[in-house]
Amino acid sequence: MPSKLELPRVQDGCCCCSLESCSYVQGYFVLLYNVAAAILSILGAYQAAARSSEREESRDWAVIVYSAMASFSILAAFSTVAFLRGIFKKQPGLLVYYIKSLGVHLLLTAFTMVWAFSDPSPRFPLLIHDFLKLIFFSYLLVCANSLYKEMLDHHTSVTNSELEAECHRTPTAPSGPPPPYGKA
């Protein structure tokens, strides 16, 4: 029985390119997606706030939801920038924020699907969109996590081999005549 639950790992990225190349493309795509989502959410909040409705509570709720979506999109954009920097600098620790934001994004998409499915008004286009987004972002999560594990394994093996080489190195005496003492 496995001791912990892990995501599956892939060796290659999309279109049979390397995992690193696929992650670069993925990072830039998700960065553009998050910036666009933040802009659209801010515009939605402004439109909801400007809307004159007899139900003030529903208007306020719409402003809160759009503002939360904009905040999450901005944070996700920053995590995507850290992801791209982590790939470029070969620092696996910077990839963690992006992987976590993808996980939160998947949870929010799943909650949206449950809401759209339980709402009595027709929300079929939203269900199709969110279902496709759930599949696509799940694949992005698997690729990003695979790259993180690969970079972590490589980083750990390099560190361990450097430590082993340092432990097995035998100290040697300096060669040549000793330096003159007392003379500057």
C-alpha atoms as a PDB file:
ATOM      1  CA  MET A   1       0.000   0.000   0.000  1.00  0.00           C
ATOM      2  CA  PRO A   2       1.492   3.381  -0.973  1.00  0.00           C
ATOM      3  CA  SER A   3       2.486   5.631   1.884  1.00  0.00           C
ATOM      4  CA  LYS A   4       1.328   8.823   0.186  1.00  0.00           C
ATOM      5  CA  LEU A   5      -0.785   9.895  -2.726  1.00  0.00           C
ATOM      6  CA  GLU A   6       1.128  11.282  -5.698  1.00  0.00           C
ATOM      7  CA  LEU A   7       0.204  12.617  -9.092  1.00  0.00           C
ATOM      8  CA  PRO A   8       1.195  10.557 -12.112  1.00  0.00           C
ATOM      9  CA  ARG A   9       4.431  11.526 -13.845  1.00  0.00           C
ATOM     10  CA  VAL A  10       4.975  12.038 -17.553  1.00  0.00           C
ATOM     11  CA  GLN A  11       8.317  11.904 -19.366  1.00  0.00           C
ATOM     12  CA  ASP A  12       7.453  14.097 -22.357  1.00  0.00           C
ATOM     13  CA  GLY A  13       5.301  17.159 -22.697  1.00  0.00           C
ATOM     14  CA  CYS A  14       2.645  17.933 -25.245  1.00  0.00           C
ATOM     15  CA  CYS A  15       3.421  17.305 -28.941  1.00  0.00           C
ATOM     16  CA  CYS A  16       6.336  15.008 -28.001  1.00  0.00           C
ATOM     17  CA  CYS A  17       8.548  17.916 -26.958  1.00  0.00           C
ATOM     18  CA  SER A  18      10.614  17.945 -23.797  1.00  0.00           C
ATOM     19  CA  LEU A  19       8.908  18.456 -20.477  1.00  0.00           C
ATOM     20  CA  GLU A  20      10.809  21.708 -19.967  1.00  0.00           C
ATOM     21  CA  SER A  21       9.729  23.125 -23.355  1.00  0.00           C
ATOM     22  CA  CYS A  22       6.136  22.114 -22.726  1.00  0.00           C
ATOM     23  CA  SER A  23       6.267  23.790 -19.322  1.00  0.00           C
ATOM     24  CA  TYR A  24       7.561  27.024 -20.848  1.00  0.00           C
ATOM     25  CA  VAL A  25       4.654  27.072 -23.313  1.00  0.00           C
ATOM     26  CA  GLN A  26       2.262  26.138 -20.523  1.00  0.00           C
ATOM     27  CA  GLY A  27       3.603  28.894 -18.280  1.00  0.00           C
ATOM     28  CA  TYR A  28       3.227  31.622 -20.886  1.00  0.00           C
ATOM     29  CA  PHE A  29      -0.256  30.411 -21.813  1.00  0.00           C
ATOM     30  CA  VAL A  30      -1.416  30.339 -18.187  1.00  0.00           C
ATOM     31  CA  LEU A  31       0.158  33.752 -17.551  1.00  0.00           C
ATOM     32  CA  LEU A  32      -1.853  35.253 -20.425  1.00  0.00           C
ATOM     33  CA  TYR A  33      -4.945  33.391 -19.217  1.00  0.00           C
ATOM     34  CA  ASN A  34      -4.587  34.753 -15.668  1.00  0.00           C
ATOM     35  CA  VAL A  35      -3.974  38.331 -16.826  1.00  0.00           C
ATOM     36  CA  ALA A  36      -7.046  38.156 -19.086  1.00  0.00           C
ATOM     37  CA  ALA A  37      -9.114  36.597 -16.280  1.00  0.00           C
ATOM     38  CA  ALA A  38      -8.023  39.349 -13.867  1.00  0.00           C
ATOM     39  CA  ILE A  39      -8.962  42.090 -16.340  1.00  0.00           C
ATOM     40  CA  LEU A  40     -12.333  40.502 -17.115  1.00  0.00           C
ATOM     41  CA  SER A  41     -13.051  39.984 -13.408  1.00  0.00           C
ATOM     42  CA  ILE A  42     -12.242  43.616 -12.611  1.00  0.00           C
ATOM     43  CA  LEU A  43     -14.515  44.747 -15.455  1.00  0.00           C
ATOM     44  CA  GLY A  44     -17.238  42.413 -14.172  1.00  0.00           C
ATOM     45  CA  ALA A  45     -16.925  43.888 -10.675  1.00  0.00           C
ATOM     46  CA  TYR A  46     -17.252  47.422 -12.060  1.00  0.00           C
ATOM     47  CA  GLN A  47     -20.279  46.454 -14.136  1.00  0.00           C
ATOM     48  CA  ALA A  48     -21.908  44.711 -11.185  1.00  0.00           C
ATOM     49  CA  ALA A  49     -21.268  47.710  -8.929  1.00  0.00           C
ATOM     50  CA  ALA A  50     -22.696  50.126 -11.509  1.00  0.00           C
ATOM     51  CA  ARG A  51     -25.783  47.995 -12.106  1.00  0.00           C
ATOM     52  CA  SER A  52     -28.868  49.421 -10.477  1.00  0.00           C
ATOM     53  CA  SER A  53     -30.840  46.519  -9.178  1.00  0.00           C
ATOM     54  CA  GLU A  54     -33.792  46.258  -6.883  1.00  0.00           C
ATOM     55  CA  ARG A  55     -31.917  43.463  -5.131  1.00  0.00           C
ATOM     56  CA  GLU A  56     -28.905  45.189  -3.619  1.00  0.00           C
ATOM     57  CA  GLU A  57     -27.746  42.001  -1.915  1.00  0.00           C
ATOM     58  CA  SER A  58     -27.283  40.122  -5.195  1.00  0.00           C
ATOM     59  CA  ARG A  59     -25.368  43.078  -6.651  1.00  0.00           C
ATOM     60  CA  ASP A  60     -23.037  43.162  -3.640  1.00  0.00           C
ATOM     61  CA  TRP A  61     -22.547  39.404  -3.874  1.00  0.00           C
ATOM     62  CA  ALA A  62     -21.593  39.726  -7.558  1.00  0.00           C
ATOM     63  CA  VAL A  63     -19.034  42.432  -6.712  1.00  0.00           C
ATOM     64  CA  ILE A  64     -17.527  40.212  -4.003  1.00  0.00           C
ATOM     65  CA  VAL A  65     -17.303  37.180  -6.309  1.00  0.00           C
ATOM     66  CA  TYR A  66     -15.754  39.161  -9.173  1.00  0.00           C
ATOM     67  CA  SER A  67     -13.280  40.818  -6.798  1.00  0.00           C
ATOM     68  CA  ALA A  68     -12.258  37.449  -5.361  1.00  0.00           C
ATOM     69  CA  MET A  69     -11.790  36.064  -8.870  1.00  0.00           C
ATOM     70  CA  ALA A  70      -9.640  39.070  -9.813  1.00  0.00           C
ATOM     71  CA  SER A  71      -7.521  38.682  -6.668  1.00  0.00           C
ATOM     72  CA  PHE A  72      -6.976  34.983  -7.301  1.00  0.00           C
ATOM     73  CA  SER A  73      -6.089  35.618 -10.946  1.00  0.00           C
ATOM     74  CA  ILE A  74      -3.495  38.217  -9.949  1.00  0.00           C
ATOM     75  CA  LEU A  75      -1.942  35.865  -7.369  1.00  0.00           C
ATOM     76  CA  ALA A  76      -1.975  33.036  -9.908  1.00  0.00           C
ATOM     77  CA  ALA A  77      -0.220  35.300 -12.434  1.00  0.00           C
ATOM     78  CA  PHE A  78       2.539  36.000  -9.898  1.00  0.00           C
ATOM     79  CA  SER A  79       2.889  32.283  -9.186  1.00  0.00           C
ATOM     80  CA  THR A  80       3.154  31.661 -12.934  1.00  0.00           C
ATOM     81  CA  VAL A  81       5.983  34.199 -13.189  1.00  0.00           C
ATOM     82  CA  ALA A  82       7.729  32.348 -10.335  1.00  0.00           C
ATOM     83  CA  PHE A  83       7.137  29.078 -12.231  1.00  0.00           C
ATOM     84  CA  LEU A  84       8.771  30.443 -15.390  1.00  0.00           C
ATOM     85  CA  ARG A  85      11.686  31.847 -13.376  1.00  0.00           C
ATOM     86  CA  GLY A  86      12.100  28.498 -11.604  1.00  0.00           C
ATOM     87  CA  ILE A  87      12.329  26.691 -14.931  1.00  0.00           C
ATOM     88  CA  PHE A  88      14.821  29.215 -16.293  1.00  0.00           C
ATOM     89  CA  LYS A  89      17.019  29.245 -13.156  1.00  0.00           C
ATOM     90  CA  LYS A  90      16.605  25.481 -12.518  1.00  0.00           C
ATOM     91  CA  GLN A  91      15.197  26.133  -9.038  1.00  0.00           C
ATOM     92  CA  PRO A  92      12.495  23.563  -8.243  1.00  0.00           C
ATOM     93  CA  GLY A  93      11.355  25.443  -5.146  1.00  0.00           C
ATOM     94  CA  LEU A  94       9.855  28.206  -7.296  1.00  0.00           C
ATOM     95  CA  LEU A  95       7.602  25.723  -9.097  1.00  0.00           C
ATOM     96  CA  VAL A  96       5.679  24.829  -5.939  1.00  0.00           C
ATOM     97  CA  TYR A  97       3.594  28.036  -5.859  1.00  0.00           C
ATOM     98  CA  TYR A  98       2.369  27.465  -9.394  1.00  0.00           C
ATOM     99  CA  ILE A  99       1.495  23.835  -8.690  1.00  0.00           C
ATOM    100  CA  LYS A 100      -0.501  24.889  -5.631  1.00  0.00           C
ATOM    101  CA  SER A 101      -2.311  27.642  -7.539  1.00  0.00           C
ATOM    102  CA  LEU A 102      -3.240  25.108 -10.243  1.00  0.00           C
ATOM    103  CA  GLY A 103      -4.678  22.864  -7.533  1.00  0.00           C
ATOM    104  CA  VAL A 104      -6.765  25.733  -6.162  1.00  0.00           C
ATOM    105  CA  HIS A 105      -7.839  26.612  -9.704  1.00  0.00           C
ATOM    106  CA  LEU A 106      -9.029  23.031 -10.230  1.00  0.00           C
ATOM    107  CA  LEU A 107     -11.008  23.125  -6.977  1.00  0.00           C
ATOM    108  CA  LEU A 108     -12.652  26.420  -7.936  1.00  0.00           C
ATOM    109  CA  THR A 109     -13.521  25.020 -11.352  1.00  0.00           C
ATOM    110  CA  ALA A 110     -15.053  21.923  -9.746  1.00  0.00           C
ATOM    111  CA  PHE A 111     -17.127  24.113  -7.400  1.00  0.00           C
ATOM    112  CA  THR A 112     -18.290  26.190 -10.370  1.00  0.00           C
ATOM    113  CA  MET A 113     -19.344  23.011 -12.149  1.00  0.00           C
ATOM    114  CA  VAL A 114     -21.348  21.854  -9.122  1.00  0.00           C
ATOM    115  CA  TRP A 115     -23.017  25.270  -8.903  1.00  0.00           C
ATOM    116  CA  ALA A 116     -23.794  25.326 -12.638  1.00  0.00           C
ATOM    117  CA  PHE A 117     -25.184  21.792 -12.484  1.00  0.00           C
ATOM    118  CA  SER A 118     -27.395  22.495  -9.468  1.00  0.00           C
ATOM    119  CA  ASP A 119     -28.688  25.858 -10.746  1.00  0.00           C
ATOM    120  CA  PRO A 120     -32.169  25.530 -12.276  1.00  0.00           C
ATOM    121  CA  SER A 121     -31.429  28.027 -15.068  1.00  0.00           C
ATOM    122  CA  PRO A 122     -29.736  26.647 -18.190  1.00  0.00           C
ATOM    123  CA  ARG A 123     -25.986  26.677 -17.675  1.00  0.00           C
ATOM    124  CA  PHE A 124     -24.990  24.026 -20.206  1.00  0.00           C
ATOM    125  CA  PRO A 125     -22.322  26.175 -21.979  1.00  0.00           C
ATOM    126  CA  LEU A 126     -20.708  26.905 -18.609  1.00  0.00           C
ATOM    127  CA  LEU A 127     -20.681  23.189 -17.784  1.00  0.00           C
ATOM    128  CA  ILE A 128     -19.000  22.309 -21.089  1.00  0.00           C
ATOM    129  CA  HIS A 129     -16.456  25.124 -20.678  1.00  0.00           C
ATOM    130  CA  ASP A 130     -15.620  24.163 -17.104  1.00  0.00           C
ATOM    131  CA  PHE A 131     -15.410  20.460 -17.935  1.00  0.00           C
ATOM    132  CA  LEU A 132     -12.894  21.129 -20.721  1.00  0.00           C
ATOM    133  CA  LYS A 133     -11.007  23.544 -18.462  1.00  0.00           C
ATOM    134  CA  LEU A 134     -10.903  20.910 -15.720  1.00  0.00           C
ATOM    135  CA  ILE A 135      -9.353  18.363 -18.089  1.00  0.00           C
ATOM    136  CA  PHE A 136      -6.871  20.852 -19.562  1.00  0.00           C
ATOM    137  CA  PHE A 137      -5.730  22.279 -16.220  1.00  0.00           C
ATOM    138  CA  SER A 138      -5.411  18.741 -14.812  1.00  0.00           C
ATOM    139  CA  TYR A 139      -2.976  17.947 -17.615  1.00  0.00           C
ATOM    140  CA  LEU A 140      -1.090  21.186 -16.907  1.00  0.00           C
ATOM    141  CA  LEU A 141      -0.865  20.180 -13.249  1.00  0.00           C
ATOM    142  CA  VAL A 142       0.510  16.735 -14.121  1.00  0.00           C
ATOM    143  CA  CYS A 143       3.138  18.254 -16.454  1.00  0.00           C
ATOM    144  CA  ALA A 144       4.187  20.921 -13.944  1.00  0.00           C
ATOM    145  CA  ASN A 145       4.407  18.388 -11.125  1.00  0.00           C
ATOM    146  CA  SER A 146       6.418  15.999 -13.327  1.00  0.00           C
ATOM    147  CA  LEU A 147       8.895  18.764 -14.151  1.00  0.00           C
ATOM    148  CA  TYR A 148       9.115  19.664 -10.458  1.00  0.00           C
ATOM    149  CA  LYS A 149       9.853  16.049  -9.477  1.00  0.00           C
ATOM    150  CA  GLU A 150      12.385  15.694 -12.305  1.00  0.00           C
ATOM    151  CA  MET A 151      14.178  18.906 -11.307  1.00  0.00           C
ATOM    152  CA  LEU A 152      14.087  17.884  -7.648  1.00  0.00           C
ATOM    153  CA  ASP A 153      15.533  14.438  -8.440  1.00  0.00           C
ATOM    154  CA  HIS A 154      18.289  15.991 -10.559  1.00  0.00           C
ATOM    155  CA  HIS A 155      19.021  18.651  -7.929  1.00  0.00           C
ATOM    156  CA  THR A 156      19.181  16.006  -5.182  1.00  0.00           C
ATOM    157  CA  SER A 157      21.412  13.675  -7.211  1.00  0.00           C
ATOM    158  CA  VAL A 158      23.825  16.511  -8.048  1.00  0.00           C
ATOM    159  CA  THR A 159      23.962  17.564  -4.416  1.00  0.00           C
ATOM    160  CA  ASN A 160      24.490  13.977  -3.221  1.00  0.00           C
ATOM    161  CA  SER A 161      27.232  13.299  -5.777  1.00  0.00           C
ATOM    162  CA  GLU A 162      29.012  16.522  -4.778  1.00  0.00           C
ATOM    163  CA  LEU A 163      28.817  15.495  -1.119  1.00  0.00           C
ATOM    164  CA  GLU A 164      30.126  12.008  -1.869  1.00  0.00           C
ATOM    165  CA  ALA A 165      33.003  13.418  -3.908  1.00  0.00           C
ATOM    166  CA  GLU A 166      33.887  15.782  -1.069  1.00  0.00           C
ATOM    167  CA  CYS A 167      33.788  12.961   1.511  1.00  0.00           C
ATOM    168  CA  HIS A 168      36.021  10.650  -0.533  1.00  0.00           C
ATOM    169  CA  ARG A 169      38.560  13.297  -1.415  1.00  0.00           C
ATOM    170  CA  THR A 170      41.859  12.778   0.365  1.00  0.00           C
ATOM    171  CA  PRO A 171      43.690  15.853   1.535  1.00  0.00           C
ATOM    172  CA  THR A 172      47.104  16.379  -0.034  1.00  0.00           C
ATOM    173  CA  ALA A 173      50.065  18.376   1.132  1.00  0.00           C
ATOM    174  CA  PRO A 174      50.881  21.482  -0.865  1.00  0.00           C
ATOM    175  CA  SER A 175      53.621  20.981  -3.407  1.00  0.00           C
ATOM    176  CA  GLY A 176      56.637  23.208  -3.842  1.00  0.00           C
ATOM    177  CA  PRO A 177      58.741  25.120  -1.351  1.00  0.00           C
ATOM    178  CA  PRO A 178      57.055  26.597   1.686  1.00  0.00           C
ATOM    179  CA  PRO A 179      56.271  30.307   1.566  1.00  0.00           C
ATOM    180  CA  PRO A 180      58.802  32.601   3.210  1.00  0.00           C
ATOM    181  CA  TYR A 181      57.660  33.469   6.691  1.00  0.00           C
ATOM    182  CA  GLY A 182      58.017  36.945   8.091  1.00  0.00           C
ATOM    183  CA  LYS A 183      58.673  38.621   4.737  1.00  0.00           C
ATOM    184  CA  ALA A 184      56.050  40.711   3.093  1.00  0.00           C
END
